[in-house]
Amino acid sequence: MLEPTKAAVHAEKAKREQAGLNPEPFLLKKSGQHFSNTSPLDLKKLMGDQDHILTLMGGLTK
């Protein structure tokens, strides 16, 4: 769902943060959703390295 806009969302986030602005409203517009994902991870990356999935996710287990 968010894959088609992922690169644009990341670019928009960097642009707005560099300008000292809250990027959230701009990211929502770029994603075309009521949420956005700024994580460098995606399902394809996570599933492609199942042995290290917790490390990739920052060790979150809760």
Protein backbone atom coordinates (compact mmCIF):
# COMPACT_ATOMS: atom_id res chain seq x y z
CA MET A 1 0.00 0.00 0.00
CA LEU A 2 2.77 2.46 0.88
CA GLU A 3 5.48 1.04 -1.37
CA PRO A 4 4.69 3.24 -4.40
CA THR A 5 5.14 6.44 -2.35
CA LYS A 6 8.01 5.32 -0.09
CA ALA A 7 10.81 7.15 -1.95
CA ALA A 8 8.76 10.34 -2.23
CA VAL A 9 7.87 10.21 1.49
CA HIS A 10 11.53 9.78 2.46
CA ALA A 11 12.60 12.69 0.23
CA GLU A 12 9.82 14.89 1.60
CA LYS A 13 10.78 14.07 5.20
CA ALA A 14 14.40 15.05 4.61
CA LYS A 15 13.38 18.25 2.82
CA ARG A 16 10.97 19.40 5.53
CA GLU A 17 13.27 18.49 8.43
CA GLN A 18 16.12 20.38 6.77
CA ALA A 19 13.82 23.40 6.56
CA GLY A 20 13.05 23.05 10.28
CA LEU A 21 9.41 22.13 9.67
CA ASN A 22 7.26 19.38 11.12
CA PRO A 23 7.20 16.91 8.23
CA GLU A 24 4.08 14.97 9.32
CA PRO A 25 1.37 16.85 7.35
CA PHE A 26 3.53 16.83 4.23
CA LEU A 27 4.20 13.11 4.57
CA LEU A 28 0.51 12.32 4.85
CA LYS A 29 -0.14 14.24 1.66
CA LYS A 30 2.71 12.46 -0.15
CA SER A 31 1.55 9.03 0.99
CA GLY A 32 -2.08 9.74 0.09
CA GLN A 33 -3.09 7.97 3.30
CA HIS A 34 -3.92 8.89 6.89
CA PHE A 35 -0.52 7.50 7.87
CA SER A 36 2.97 7.25 6.45
CA ASN A 37 6.01 5.06 6.95
CA THR A 38 9.44 6.62 7.27
CA SER A 39 11.19 3.41 8.27
CA PRO A 40 13.98 2.28 5.95
CA LEU A 41 12.58 -1.24 6.34
CA ASP A 42 9.89 -2.84 4.25
CA LEU A 43 8.27 -6.24 4.30
CA LYS A 44 10.46 -7.50 1.46
CA LYS A 45 13.65 -6.63 3.37
CA LEU A 46 12.37 -8.12 6.61
CA MET A 47 11.16 -11.34 5.06
CA GLY A 48 14.37 -11.67 3.04
CA ASP A 49 16.46 -11.88 6.20
CA GLN A 50 14.35 -13.85 8.66
CA ASP A 51 17.40 -14.91 10.68
CA HIS A 52 18.06 -11.28 11.59
CA ILE A 53 14.56 -9.81 11.60
CA LEU A 54 14.72 -8.70 15.26
CA THR A 55 18.06 -7.00 14.69
CA LEU A 56 16.68 -5.22 11.64
CA MET A 57 13.69 -4.05 13.66
CA GLY A 58 15.94 -2.66 16.37
CA GLY A 59 15.47 -5.58 18.73
CA LEU A 60 11.85 -4.80 19.48
CA THR A 61 10.24 -7.80 21.10
CA LYS A 62 7.39 -6.27 23.11
